[in-house]
Amino acid sequence: MTSLPPFTVDAAVALIVRPAVLWWDDARVSGPSDILDHELPPAEARVRMLPPEETAAVRTMYKRIGLDPTRNRPSNEALLRRLRKGDRLPRINAMVDVINWCSVECQLPYGLYDRARMHVPVTLRLGADGEEYAGIRKDTVHVGGRLVVADAEGPFGNPTSDSARTMVTFSTSHALVVVYAPAEVSRGRLSEVLVLTAGRLLRVCGGRESGRWIA
């Protein structure tokens, strides 16, 4: 296997978060997916019937950084609350939909990024005062003091909301998946999470895994 693009974890957050990273190549990102049209409704029904516990460790991870998880809600919890209210998971495109499905079932926040729009190396760190980026919904996301992934151009994602700059679109073929797991989550559990994620990406988007890494 060829060497993977650099991904590092800053020492200031290494005892708080254990990222699990998946590199995916040669994907085909479509609109509505027949596979997801068939599999998402019963998956959503299972979550409503037997909702996973809201992962206390994720909330604790936010608190250890100094964030209130009820004001800056982790993306996994936001998706779970949506289902509990009777709504469906959002349908964006096939790859984003797969990642949202994995996030709500595993109750871990995920980030999904187009590698063609990134400039390595990538570092998981705390955002500096005043750092921000344009969000996917055209809002400005202020990331000072928050967990972020950043490249040579600056931050582009966090466990609550990602940036417009690196968002996955129909033209994406090479993606980076980051699972923002609390440090308490075992490497064995995160290996299972990546296997689940890779299997769904393969079935829905095609392509291939080019590497994985767990801190």
N, C-alpha and C. Protein backbone atom coordinates (compact mmCIF):
# COMPACT_ATOMS: atom_id res chain seq x y z
N MET A 1 0.84 -1.19 0.00
CA MET A 1 0.00 0.00 0.00
C MET A 1 0.89 1.24 0.00
N THR A 2 0.52 2.24 -0.78
CA THR A 2 1.29 3.46 -0.80
C THR A 2 1.16 4.19 0.51
N SER A 3 2.12 5.07 0.80
CA SER A 3 2.08 5.82 2.05
C SER A 3 0.87 6.74 2.06
N LEU A 4 0.28 6.91 3.24
CA LEU A 4 -0.92 7.70 3.37
C LEU A 4 -0.58 9.17 3.55
N PRO A 5 -1.49 10.07 3.16
CA PRO A 5 -1.25 11.49 3.39
C PRO A 5 -1.10 11.75 4.88
N PRO A 6 -0.26 12.71 5.27
CA PRO A 6 -0.01 12.95 6.68
C PRO A 6 -1.29 13.38 7.42
N PHE A 7 -1.54 12.74 8.57
CA PHE A 7 -2.63 13.12 9.47
C PHE A 7 -2.06 13.03 10.88
N THR A 8 -2.04 14.15 11.58
CA THR A 8 -1.44 14.18 12.91
C THR A 8 -2.44 14.71 13.93
N VAL A 9 -2.18 14.40 15.20
CA VAL A 9 -3.01 14.87 16.31
C VAL A 9 -2.13 15.73 17.21
N ASP A 10 -2.55 16.96 17.43
CA ASP A 10 -1.78 17.86 18.29
C ASP A 10 -1.75 17.33 19.72
N ALA A 11 -0.62 17.50 20.39
CA ALA A 11 -0.46 16.98 21.74
C ALA A 11 -1.48 17.54 22.71
N ALA A 12 -1.98 18.75 22.46
CA ALA A 12 -2.92 19.39 23.37
C ALA A 12 -4.27 18.67 23.43
N VAL A 13 -4.58 17.86 22.39
CA VAL A 13 -5.88 17.17 22.39
C VAL A 13 -5.72 15.65 22.36
N ALA A 14 -4.49 15.16 22.38
CA ALA A 14 -4.24 13.73 22.20
C ALA A 14 -4.84 12.88 23.31
N LEU A 15 -5.03 13.44 24.51
CA LEU A 15 -5.61 12.68 25.61
C LEU A 15 -7.12 12.86 25.70
N ILE A 16 -7.69 13.62 24.78
CA ILE A 16 -9.13 13.92 24.80
C ILE A 16 -9.86 13.21 23.67
N VAL A 17 -9.24 13.15 22.50
CA VAL A 17 -9.90 12.60 21.31
C VAL A 17 -9.02 11.54 20.67
N ARG A 18 -9.66 10.48 20.17
CA ARG A 18 -8.95 9.42 19.45
C ARG A 18 -9.58 9.32 18.07
N PRO A 19 -9.05 10.02 17.08
CA PRO A 19 -9.66 9.96 15.75
C PRO A 19 -9.42 8.62 15.07
N ALA A 20 -10.42 8.21 14.32
CA ALA A 20 -10.29 7.06 13.43
C ALA A 20 -10.47 7.60 12.01
N VAL A 21 -9.52 7.30 11.14
CA VAL A 21 -9.45 7.96 9.83
C VAL A 21 -9.51 6.91 8.72
N LEU A 22 -10.30 7.22 7.69
CA LEU A 22 -10.45 6.34 6.54
C LEU A 22 -10.21 7.14 5.27
N TRP A 23 -9.30 6.66 4.42
CA TRP A 23 -9.06 7.27 3.11
C TRP A 23 -9.81 6.45 2.07
N TRP A 24 -10.64 7.11 1.23
CA TRP A 24 -11.45 6.40 0.25
C TRP A 24 -11.19 6.98 -1.13
N ASP A 25 -10.95 6.12 -2.10
CA ASP A 25 -10.59 6.55 -3.45
C ASP A 25 -11.57 6.01 -4.50
N ASP A 26 -11.63 6.73 -5.61
CA ASP A 26 -12.37 6.30 -6.80
C ASP A 26 -13.86 6.07 -6.53
N ALA A 27 -14.43 6.91 -5.66
CA ALA A 27 -15.86 6.80 -5.37
C ALA A 27 -16.69 7.39 -6.50
N ARG A 28 -17.94 6.98 -6.55
CA ARG A 28 -18.92 7.56 -7.45
C ARG A 28 -20.04 8.12 -6.59
N VAL A 29 -20.08 9.43 -6.46
CA VAL A 29 -21.07 10.07 -5.59
C VAL A 29 -22.30 10.42 -6.41
N SER A 30 -23.40 9.75 -6.10
CA SER A 30 -24.64 9.95 -6.84
C SER A 30 -25.63 10.75 -6.00
N GLY A 31 -26.77 11.02 -6.60
CA GLY A 31 -27.88 11.60 -5.87
C GLY A 31 -28.61 10.49 -5.13
N PRO A 32 -29.93 10.39 -5.28
CA PRO A 32 -30.67 9.32 -4.59
C PRO A 32 -30.09 7.95 -4.92
N SER A 33 -29.93 7.14 -3.89
CA SER A 33 -29.37 5.80 -4.05
C SER A 33 -30.47 4.77 -3.83
N ASP A 34 -30.63 3.84 -4.77
CA ASP A 34 -31.62 2.77 -4.61
C ASP A 34 -31.34 1.94 -3.37
N ILE A 35 -30.06 1.71 -3.09
CA ILE A 35 -29.69 0.93 -1.90
C ILE A 35 -30.15 1.65 -0.65
N LEU A 36 -29.89 2.94 -0.56
CA LEU A 36 -30.28 3.69 0.62
C LEU A 36 -31.79 3.87 0.70
N ASP A 37 -32.44 4.04 -0.45
CA ASP A 37 -33.90 4.12 -0.45
C ASP A 37 -34.51 2.88 0.19
N HIS A 38 -33.87 1.75 -0.01
CA HIS A 38 -34.35 0.47 0.53
C HIS A 38 -33.93 0.26 1.98
N GLU A 39 -32.69 0.65 2.34
CA GLU A 39 -32.14 0.27 3.64
C GLU A 39 -32.31 1.33 4.72
N LEU A 40 -32.41 2.60 4.35
CA LEU A 40 -32.49 3.63 5.38
C LEU A 40 -33.81 3.61 6.17
N PRO A 41 -34.97 3.47 5.53
CA PRO A 41 -36.20 3.50 6.33
C PRO A 41 -36.24 2.47 7.46
N PRO A 42 -35.92 1.18 7.21
CA PRO A 42 -35.93 0.25 8.34
C PRO A 42 -34.82 0.55 9.36
N ALA A 43 -33.68 1.08 8.90
CA ALA A 43 -32.62 1.45 9.84
C ALA A 43 -33.08 2.58 10.75
N GLU A 44 -33.77 3.56 10.17
CA GLU A 44 -34.30 4.66 10.98
C GLU A 44 -35.34 4.16 11.96
N ALA A 45 -36.18 3.23 11.52
CA ALA A 45 -37.21 2.67 12.41
C ALA A 45 -36.57 1.92 13.58
N ARG A 46 -35.47 1.20 13.32
CA ARG A 46 -34.78 0.49 14.41
C ARG A 46 -34.23 1.46 15.43
N VAL A 47 -33.67 2.57 14.95
CA VAL A 47 -33.11 3.55 15.88
C VAL A 47 -34.22 4.19 16.71
N ARG A 48 -35.39 4.45 16.10
CA ARG A 48 -36.50 5.02 16.86
C ARG A 48 -37.02 4.04 17.91
N MET A 49 -37.07 2.75 17.53
CA MET A 49 -37.61 1.75 18.44
C MET A 49 -36.65 1.46 19.59
N LEU A 50 -35.38 1.34 19.26
CA LEU A 50 -34.34 1.05 20.25
C LEU A 50 -33.21 2.06 20.08
N PRO A 51 -33.46 3.30 20.49
CA PRO A 51 -32.45 4.33 20.24
C PRO A 51 -31.17 4.05 21.01
N PRO A 52 -30.03 4.20 20.36
CA PRO A 52 -28.76 4.03 21.09
C PRO A 52 -28.64 5.09 22.17
N GLU A 53 -27.93 4.76 23.21
CA GLU A 53 -27.71 5.75 24.25
C GLU A 53 -26.93 6.91 23.67
N GLU A 54 -27.35 8.13 24.02
CA GLU A 54 -26.56 9.28 23.60
C GLU A 54 -25.20 9.14 24.28
N THR A 55 -24.19 9.06 23.48
CA THR A 55 -22.88 8.70 23.99
C THR A 55 -22.38 9.73 24.99
N ALA A 56 -22.37 9.33 26.26
CA ALA A 56 -21.92 10.25 27.30
C ALA A 56 -20.47 10.65 27.08
N ALA A 57 -19.68 9.73 26.54
CA ALA A 57 -18.27 10.02 26.33
C ALA A 57 -18.08 11.17 25.34
N VAL A 58 -18.95 11.28 24.32
CA VAL A 58 -18.83 12.38 23.36
C VAL A 58 -19.12 13.70 24.06
N ARG A 59 -20.17 13.72 24.87
CA ARG A 59 -20.48 14.94 25.63
C ARG A 59 -19.33 15.31 26.56
N THR A 60 -18.75 14.29 27.21
CA THR A 60 -17.61 14.55 28.10
C THR A 60 -16.43 15.10 27.32
N MET A 61 -16.21 14.59 26.11
CA MET A 61 -15.13 15.10 25.26
C MET A 61 -15.32 16.60 25.02
N TYR A 62 -16.54 17.01 24.70
CA TYR A 62 -16.81 18.44 24.50
C TYR A 62 -16.54 19.23 25.78
N LYS A 63 -17.01 18.72 26.91
CA LYS A 63 -16.84 19.43 28.18
C LYS A 63 -15.36 19.57 28.54
N ARG A 64 -14.56 18.56 28.23
CA ARG A 64 -13.13 18.63 28.55
C ARG A 64 -12.43 19.70 27.73
N ILE A 65 -13.00 20.01 26.57
CA ILE A 65 -12.43 21.08 25.75
C ILE A 65 -12.94 22.45 26.20
N GLY A 66 -14.03 22.44 26.98
CA GLY A 66 -14.60 23.69 27.45
C GLY A 66 -15.85 24.11 26.70
N LEU A 67 -16.49 23.15 25.99
CA LEU A 67 -17.69 23.44 25.22
C LEU A 67 -18.92 22.84 25.90
N ASP A 68 -20.03 23.53 25.79
CA ASP A 68 -21.31 23.03 26.28
C ASP A 68 -21.95 22.20 25.16
N PRO A 69 -22.06 20.88 25.33
CA PRO A 69 -22.58 20.05 24.24
C PRO A 69 -24.06 20.27 23.95
N THR A 70 -24.78 20.99 24.82
CA THR A 70 -26.17 21.32 24.50
C THR A 70 -26.27 22.57 23.64
N ARG A 71 -25.21 23.38 23.61
CA ARG A 71 -25.19 24.57 22.75
C ARG A 71 -24.44 24.30 21.46
N ASN A 72 -23.37 23.52 21.54
CA ASN A 72 -22.61 23.10 20.36
C ASN A 72 -22.79 21.59 20.23
N ARG A 73 -23.93 21.19 19.71
CA ARG A 73 -24.31 19.78 19.76
C ARG A 73 -23.49 18.94 18.79
N PRO A 74 -22.91 17.82 19.27
CA PRO A 74 -22.20 16.92 18.35
C PRO A 74 -23.13 16.43 17.24
N SER A 75 -22.58 16.23 16.06
CA SER A 75 -23.42 15.89 14.92
C SER A 75 -24.17 14.58 15.11
N ASN A 76 -23.57 13.60 15.79
CA ASN A 76 -24.26 12.33 16.02
C ASN A 76 -25.50 12.52 16.86
N GLU A 77 -25.41 13.36 17.87
CA GLU A 77 -26.56 13.60 18.73
C GLU A 77 -27.64 14.40 18.01
N ALA A 78 -27.23 15.34 17.17
CA ALA A 78 -28.21 16.10 16.40
C ALA A 78 -29.01 15.18 15.48
N LEU A 79 -28.33 14.20 14.86
CA LEU A 79 -29.03 13.25 14.00
C LEU A 79 -29.97 12.37 14.80
N LEU A 80 -29.55 11.94 15.98
CA LEU A 80 -30.40 11.10 16.82
C LEU A 80 -31.64 11.86 17.27
N ARG A 81 -31.47 13.10 17.66
CA ARG A 81 -32.62 13.91 18.07
C ARG A 81 -33.61 14.07 16.92
N ARG A 82 -33.07 14.21 15.72
CA ARG A 82 -33.94 14.33 14.54
C ARG A 82 -34.82 13.10 14.38
N LEU A 83 -34.23 11.91 14.51
CA LEU A 83 -35.00 10.68 14.37
C LEU A 83 -36.01 10.53 15.51
N ARG A 84 -35.60 10.89 16.71
CA ARG A 84 -36.51 10.77 17.86
C ARG A 84 -37.74 11.66 17.70
N LYS A 85 -37.61 12.74 16.97
CA LYS A 85 -38.75 13.63 16.73
C LYS A 85 -39.65 13.09 15.61
N GLY A 86 -39.23 12.00 14.98
CA GLY A 86 -40.03 11.42 13.91
C GLY A 86 -39.61 11.83 12.52
N ASP A 87 -38.56 12.65 12.41
CA ASP A 87 -38.08 13.07 11.09
C ASP A 87 -37.17 12.00 10.50
N ARG A 88 -36.91 12.11 9.21
CA ARG A 88 -35.99 11.22 8.53
C ARG A 88 -34.58 11.81 8.58
N LEU A 89 -33.60 10.97 8.33
CA LEU A 89 -32.24 11.48 8.14
C LEU A 89 -32.22 12.36 6.90
N PRO A 90 -31.44 13.43 6.92
CA PRO A 90 -31.36 14.28 5.72
C PRO A 90 -30.76 13.50 4.56
N ARG A 91 -31.23 13.76 3.36
CA ARG A 91 -30.68 13.12 2.16
C ARG A 91 -29.97 14.20 1.35
N ILE A 92 -28.65 14.11 1.28
CA ILE A 92 -27.82 15.11 0.62
C ILE A 92 -27.25 14.55 -0.68
N ASN A 93 -26.41 13.57 -0.54
CA ASN A 93 -25.92 12.77 -1.66
C ASN A 93 -25.52 11.42 -1.08
N ALA A 94 -25.23 10.45 -1.93
CA ALA A 94 -25.07 9.08 -1.46
C ALA A 94 -23.97 8.94 -0.41
N MET A 95 -22.84 9.62 -0.60
CA MET A 95 -21.74 9.47 0.35
C MET A 95 -22.06 10.13 1.69
N VAL A 96 -22.59 11.33 1.66
CA VAL A 96 -22.98 12.01 2.90
C VAL A 96 -24.04 11.20 3.63
N ASP A 97 -24.99 10.64 2.88
CA ASP A 97 -26.05 9.87 3.50
C ASP A 97 -25.52 8.63 4.21
N VAL A 98 -24.54 7.96 3.61
CA VAL A 98 -23.91 6.80 4.25
C VAL A 98 -23.26 7.21 5.56
N ILE A 99 -22.53 8.32 5.55
CA ILE A 99 -21.83 8.76 6.75
C ILE A 99 -22.81 9.15 7.85
N ASN A 100 -23.90 9.83 7.50
CA ASN A 100 -24.91 10.16 8.52
C ASN A 100 -25.52 8.90 9.12
N TRP A 101 -25.77 7.90 8.28
CA TRP A 101 -26.31 6.63 8.76
C TRP A 101 -25.36 5.99 9.77
N CYS A 102 -24.08 5.93 9.44
CA CYS A 102 -23.09 5.34 10.36
C CYS A 102 -23.00 6.14 11.65
N SER A 103 -23.03 7.45 11.53
CA SER A 103 -22.89 8.31 12.71
C SER A 103 -24.03 8.11 13.71
N VAL A 104 -25.26 8.06 13.19
CA VAL A 104 -26.40 7.94 14.10
C VAL A 104 -26.46 6.56 14.73
N GLU A 105 -26.06 5.53 14.00
CA GLU A 105 -26.07 4.19 14.57
C GLU A 105 -24.93 3.96 15.56
N CYS A 106 -23.76 4.48 15.25
CA CYS A 106 -22.60 4.29 16.13
C CYS A 106 -22.55 5.33 17.24
N GLN A 107 -23.34 6.40 17.11
CA GLN A 107 -23.35 7.51 18.05
C GLN A 107 -21.95 8.07 18.29
N LEU A 108 -21.30 8.36 17.16
CA LEU A 108 -20.02 9.05 17.15
C LEU A 108 -20.08 10.13 16.08
N PRO A 109 -19.51 11.31 16.33
CA PRO A 109 -19.50 12.35 15.29
C PRO A 109 -18.49 12.03 14.21
N TYR A 110 -18.92 12.20 12.97
CA TYR A 110 -18.08 11.96 11.80
C TYR A 110 -17.83 13.28 11.07
N GLY A 111 -16.71 13.33 10.35
CA GLY A 111 -16.46 14.37 9.37
C GLY A 111 -16.18 13.71 8.03
N LEU A 112 -16.64 14.34 6.95
CA LEU A 112 -16.45 13.80 5.60
C LEU A 112 -15.95 14.91 4.70
N TYR A 113 -14.83 14.69 4.02
CA TYR A 113 -14.15 15.78 3.31
C TYR A 113 -13.65 15.32 1.94
N ASP A 114 -13.71 16.23 1.00
CA ASP A 114 -13.20 16.01 -0.36
C ASP A 114 -11.70 16.28 -0.36
N ARG A 115 -10.90 15.24 -0.60
CA ARG A 115 -9.45 15.40 -0.52
C ARG A 115 -8.90 16.30 -1.62
N ALA A 116 -9.61 16.42 -2.73
CA ALA A 116 -9.14 17.30 -3.80
C ALA A 116 -9.18 18.76 -3.38
N ARG A 117 -9.93 19.08 -2.35
CA ARG A 117 -10.07 20.46 -1.89
C ARG A 117 -9.23 20.73 -0.64
N MET A 118 -8.41 19.75 -0.25
CA MET A 118 -7.56 19.88 0.92
C MET A 118 -6.11 20.02 0.50
N HIS A 119 -5.30 20.51 1.43
CA HIS A 119 -3.87 20.67 1.19
C HIS A 119 -3.13 20.08 2.39
N VAL A 120 -2.58 18.88 2.20
CA VAL A 120 -1.91 18.20 3.30
C VAL A 120 -0.66 18.97 3.73
N PRO A 121 -0.23 18.77 4.99
CA PRO A 121 -0.73 17.80 5.96
C PRO A 121 -2.00 18.28 6.67
N VAL A 122 -2.71 17.32 7.26
CA VAL A 122 -3.92 17.60 8.03
C VAL A 122 -3.63 17.34 9.50
N THR A 123 -4.07 18.26 10.35
CA THR A 123 -3.84 18.13 11.79
C THR A 123 -5.15 18.29 12.54
N LEU A 124 -5.37 17.44 13.52
CA LEU A 124 -6.49 17.59 14.45
C LEU A 124 -5.96 18.38 15.65
N ARG A 125 -6.58 19.52 15.90
CA ARG A 125 -6.07 20.42 16.95
C ARG A 125 -7.21 21.27 17.48
N LEU A 126 -6.87 22.17 18.41
CA LEU A 126 -7.82 23.17 18.87
C LEU A 126 -7.75 24.38 17.96
N GLY A 127 -8.91 24.93 17.63
CA GLY A 127 -8.93 26.15 16.84
C GLY A 127 -8.36 27.32 17.62
N ALA A 128 -7.66 28.19 16.93
CA ALA A 128 -7.08 29.39 17.55
C ALA A 128 -8.14 30.48 17.64
N ASP A 129 -7.92 31.44 18.53
CA ASP A 129 -8.85 32.56 18.66
C ASP A 129 -9.03 33.24 17.31
N GLY A 130 -10.28 33.47 16.94
CA GLY A 130 -10.59 34.17 15.71
C GLY A 130 -10.67 33.31 14.48
N GLU A 131 -10.29 32.03 14.58
CA GLU A 131 -10.37 31.16 13.39
C GLU A 131 -11.84 30.85 13.08
N GLU A 132 -12.15 30.78 11.79
CA GLU A 132 -13.51 30.52 11.35
C GLU A 132 -13.48 30.02 9.92
N TYR A 133 -14.61 29.51 9.46
CA TYR A 133 -14.74 29.15 8.05
C TYR A 133 -16.19 29.25 7.63
N ALA A 134 -16.39 29.28 6.33
CA ALA A 134 -17.74 29.31 5.78
C ALA A 134 -18.35 27.92 5.90
N GLY A 135 -19.50 27.85 6.55
CA GLY A 135 -20.16 26.57 6.75
C GLY A 135 -20.90 26.12 5.50
N ILE A 136 -21.31 24.87 5.52
CA ILE A 136 -22.00 24.30 4.36
C ILE A 136 -23.32 25.02 4.11
N ARG A 137 -23.96 25.49 5.17
CA ARG A 137 -25.23 26.20 5.00
C ARG A 137 -25.03 27.71 4.87
N LYS A 138 -23.84 28.11 4.47
CA LYS A 138 -23.49 29.51 4.21
C LYS A 138 -23.36 30.35 5.48
N ASP A 139 -23.44 29.72 6.65
CA ASP A 139 -23.19 30.45 7.88
C ASP A 139 -21.69 30.44 8.16
N THR A 140 -21.24 31.34 9.02
CA THR A 140 -19.84 31.37 9.43
C THR A 140 -19.69 30.54 10.70
N VAL A 141 -18.78 29.58 10.66
CA VAL A 141 -18.55 28.70 11.81
C VAL A 141 -17.30 29.20 12.53
N HIS A 142 -17.47 29.64 13.76
CA HIS A 142 -16.36 30.12 14.58
C HIS A 142 -15.78 28.92 15.34
N VAL A 143 -14.50 28.68 15.21
CA VAL A 143 -13.91 27.45 15.75
C VAL A 143 -12.82 27.71 16.79
N GLY A 144 -12.69 28.92 17.26
CA GLY A 144 -11.72 29.18 18.32
C GLY A 144 -12.03 28.35 19.56
N GLY A 145 -11.05 27.60 20.05
CA GLY A 145 -11.25 26.77 21.23
C GLY A 145 -12.01 25.49 20.99
N ARG A 146 -12.27 25.15 19.73
CA ARG A 146 -13.02 23.94 19.41
C ARG A 146 -12.10 22.94 18.69
N LEU A 147 -12.45 21.66 18.76
CA LEU A 147 -11.73 20.66 17.99
C LEU A 147 -11.90 20.95 16.51
N VAL A 148 -10.82 20.95 15.76
CA VAL A 148 -10.90 21.17 14.33
C VAL A 148 -9.89 20.27 13.61
N VAL A 149 -10.19 19.97 12.35
CA VAL A 149 -9.17 19.45 11.45
C VAL A 149 -8.78 20.61 10.55
N ALA A 150 -7.48 20.78 10.35
CA ALA A 150 -6.96 21.92 9.59
C ALA A 150 -5.87 21.46 8.65
N ASP A 151 -5.78 22.16 7.50
CA ASP A 151 -4.71 21.91 6.55
C ASP A 151 -3.91 23.19 6.38
N ALA A 152 -3.16 23.29 5.29
CA ALA A 152 -2.30 24.45 5.09
C ALA A 152 -3.09 25.75 4.94
N GLU A 153 -4.38 25.65 4.56
CA GLU A 153 -5.21 26.84 4.41
C GLU A 153 -5.96 27.20 5.68
N GLY A 154 -5.94 26.32 6.67
CA GLY A 154 -6.64 26.58 7.92
C GLY A 154 -7.70 25.53 8.21
N PRO A 155 -8.52 25.74 9.24
CA PRO A 155 -9.53 24.76 9.62
C PRO A 155 -10.56 24.54 8.52
N PHE A 156 -11.05 23.29 8.45
CA PHE A 156 -12.10 22.99 7.47
C PHE A 156 -13.16 22.04 8.00
N GLY A 157 -13.08 21.64 9.26
CA GLY A 157 -14.10 20.75 9.80
C GLY A 157 -14.00 20.61 11.29
N ASN A 158 -15.12 20.19 11.90
CA ASN A 158 -15.15 19.89 13.33
C ASN A 158 -16.29 18.92 13.62
N PRO A 159 -16.41 18.38 14.84
CA PRO A 159 -17.41 17.35 15.11
C PRO A 159 -18.86 17.84 15.09
N THR A 160 -19.07 19.14 14.97
CA THR A 160 -20.43 19.67 14.93
C THR A 160 -20.84 20.08 13.52
N SER A 161 -19.98 20.78 12.81
CA SER A 161 -20.34 21.25 11.46
C SER A 161 -19.07 21.44 10.63
N ASP A 162 -19.18 21.10 9.35
CA ASP A 162 -18.03 21.15 8.45
C ASP A 162 -18.09 22.37 7.53
N SER A 163 -17.05 22.51 6.72
CA SER A 163 -16.92 23.70 5.88
C SER A 163 -17.43 23.48 4.47
N ALA A 164 -17.80 24.57 3.82
CA ALA A 164 -18.18 24.51 2.41
C ALA A 164 -16.96 24.20 1.54
N ARG A 165 -15.77 24.62 1.99
CA ARG A 165 -14.57 24.46 1.16
C ARG A 165 -14.29 23.01 0.83
N THR A 166 -14.46 22.11 1.78
CA THR A 166 -14.07 20.71 1.57
C THR A 166 -15.27 19.76 1.56
N MET A 167 -16.46 20.29 1.38
CA MET A 167 -17.63 19.41 1.43
C MET A 167 -17.64 18.47 0.21
N VAL A 168 -18.24 17.30 0.41
CA VAL A 168 -18.34 16.29 -0.64
C VAL A 168 -19.51 16.64 -1.56
N THR A 169 -19.25 16.60 -2.87
CA THR A 169 -20.24 16.90 -3.89
C THR A 169 -20.29 15.76 -4.90
N PHE A 170 -21.10 15.91 -5.93
CA PHE A 170 -21.18 14.89 -6.97
C PHE A 170 -19.86 14.71 -7.71
N SER A 171 -18.98 15.68 -7.66
CA SER A 171 -17.70 15.57 -8.36
C SER A 171 -16.61 14.92 -7.50
N THR A 172 -16.90 14.63 -6.24
CA THR A 172 -15.90 14.04 -5.35
C THR A 172 -15.59 12.60 -5.76
N SER A 173 -14.31 12.28 -5.81
CA SER A 173 -13.92 10.88 -6.03
C SER A 173 -12.97 10.37 -4.94
N HIS A 174 -12.25 11.27 -4.27
CA HIS A 174 -11.31 10.89 -3.22
C HIS A 174 -11.70 11.61 -1.93
N ALA A 175 -12.04 10.83 -0.91
CA ALA A 175 -12.61 11.39 0.31
C ALA A 175 -11.78 11.02 1.53
N LEU A 176 -11.91 11.84 2.55
CA LEU A 176 -11.34 11.58 3.86
C LEU A 176 -12.48 11.50 4.86
N VAL A 177 -12.57 10.40 5.60
CA VAL A 177 -13.56 10.23 6.65
C VAL A 177 -12.83 10.29 8.00
N VAL A 178 -13.32 11.15 8.89
CA VAL A 178 -12.74 11.26 10.23
C VAL A 178 -13.84 10.98 11.25
N VAL A 179 -13.60 10.00 12.12
CA VAL A 179 -14.49 9.73 13.24
C VAL A 179 -13.87 10.39 14.47
N TYR A 180 -14.58 11.37 15.02
CA TYR A 180 -14.06 12.12 16.18
C TYR A 180 -14.45 11.38 17.46
N ALA A 181 -13.74 10.33 17.77
CA ALA A 181 -14.09 9.50 18.92
C ALA A 181 -13.42 10.02 20.19
N PRO A 182 -14.11 9.95 21.32
CA PRO A 182 -13.46 10.25 22.59
C PRO A 182 -12.31 9.28 22.85
N ALA A 183 -11.34 9.73 23.61
CA ALA A 183 -10.16 8.90 23.88
C ALA A 183 -10.52 7.61 24.60
N GLU A 184 -11.67 7.59 25.31
CA GLU A 184 -12.07 6.40 26.05
C GLU A 184 -12.52 5.26 25.14
N VAL A 185 -12.87 5.56 23.90
CA VAL A 185 -13.33 4.51 22.98
C VAL A 185 -12.13 3.67 22.55
N SER A 186 -12.27 2.36 22.64
CA SER A 186 -11.13 1.49 22.37
C SER A 186 -10.80 1.43 20.89
N ARG A 187 -9.55 1.10 20.59
CA ARG A 187 -9.16 0.92 19.20
C ARG A 187 -9.92 -0.23 18.56
N GLY A 188 -10.22 -1.26 19.35
CA GLY A 188 -10.99 -2.38 18.81
C GLY A 188 -12.37 -1.94 18.36
N ARG A 189 -13.04 -1.13 19.18
CA ARG A 189 -14.36 -0.63 18.80
C ARG A 189 -14.27 0.25 17.56
N LEU A 190 -13.26 1.09 17.48
CA LEU A 190 -13.13 1.97 16.33
C LEU A 190 -12.77 1.18 15.07
N SER A 191 -12.07 0.08 15.21
CA SER A 191 -11.81 -0.77 14.06
C SER A 191 -13.13 -1.32 13.51
N GLU A 192 -14.04 -1.72 14.40
CA GLU A 192 -15.36 -2.19 13.98
C GLU A 192 -16.13 -1.08 13.27
N VAL A 193 -16.03 0.14 13.79
CA VAL A 193 -16.72 1.27 13.19
C VAL A 193 -16.21 1.52 11.76
N LEU A 194 -14.89 1.45 11.58
CA LEU A 194 -14.34 1.68 10.24
C LEU A 194 -14.71 0.56 9.29
N VAL A 195 -14.77 -0.68 9.77
CA VAL A 195 -15.20 -1.79 8.91
C VAL A 195 -16.64 -1.58 8.45
N LEU A 196 -17.52 -1.18 9.37
CA LEU A 196 -18.91 -0.89 9.03
C LEU A 196 -18.99 0.22 7.99
N THR A 197 -18.25 1.30 8.23
CA THR A 197 -18.28 2.45 7.34
C THR A 197 -17.76 2.10 5.96
N ALA A 198 -16.64 1.40 5.90
CA ALA A 198 -16.05 1.03 4.62
C ALA A 198 -16.98 0.10 3.83
N GLY A 199 -17.62 -0.81 4.52
CA GLY A 199 -18.53 -1.73 3.83
C GLY A 199 -19.70 -1.00 3.20
N ARG A 200 -20.25 -0.04 3.90
CA ARG A 200 -21.38 0.72 3.35
C ARG A 200 -20.93 1.64 2.22
N LEU A 201 -19.78 2.27 2.37
CA LEU A 201 -19.27 3.10 1.28
C LEU A 201 -19.06 2.27 0.02
N LEU A 202 -18.51 1.08 0.17
CA LEU A 202 -18.25 0.23 -0.98
C LEU A 202 -19.56 -0.14 -1.69
N ARG A 203 -20.57 -0.52 -0.93
CA ARG A 203 -21.83 -0.94 -1.53
C ARG A 203 -22.56 0.20 -2.21
N VAL A 204 -22.50 1.39 -1.61
CA VAL A 204 -23.31 2.50 -2.10
C VAL A 204 -22.56 3.37 -3.10
N CYS A 205 -21.27 3.61 -2.85
CA CYS A 205 -20.50 4.56 -3.66
C CYS A 205 -19.41 3.91 -4.50
N GLY A 206 -19.18 2.61 -4.32
CA GLY A 206 -18.10 1.98 -5.06
C GLY A 206 -16.75 2.51 -4.60
N GLY A 207 -15.75 2.31 -5.42
CA GLY A 207 -14.41 2.76 -5.07
C GLY A 207 -13.69 1.76 -4.19
N ARG A 208 -12.73 2.26 -3.45
CA ARG A 208 -11.90 1.37 -2.64
C ARG A 208 -11.28 2.13 -1.48
N GLU A 209 -11.03 1.40 -0.43
CA GLU A 209 -10.30 1.96 0.71
C GLU A 209 -8.81 1.96 0.38
N SER A 210 -8.16 3.10 0.58
CA SER A 210 -6.72 3.17 0.34
C SER A 210 -5.93 3.21 1.64
N GLY A 211 -6.62 3.28 2.78
CA GLY A 211 -5.92 3.23 4.05
C GLY A 211 -6.83 3.60 5.19
N ARG A 212 -6.39 3.20 6.38
CA ARG A 212 -7.11 3.58 7.60
C ARG A 212 -6.10 3.76 8.71
N TRP A 213 -6.47 4.55 9.69
CA TRP A 213 -5.57 4.82 10.81
C TRP A 213 -6.40 5.16 12.05
N ILE A 214 -5.99 4.63 13.19
CA ILE A 214 -6.64 4.92 14.48
C ILE A 214 -5.57 5.41 15.43
N ALA A 215 -5.81 6.54 16.06
CA ALA A 215 -4.81 7.13 16.96
C ALA A 215 -4.56 6.23 18.16
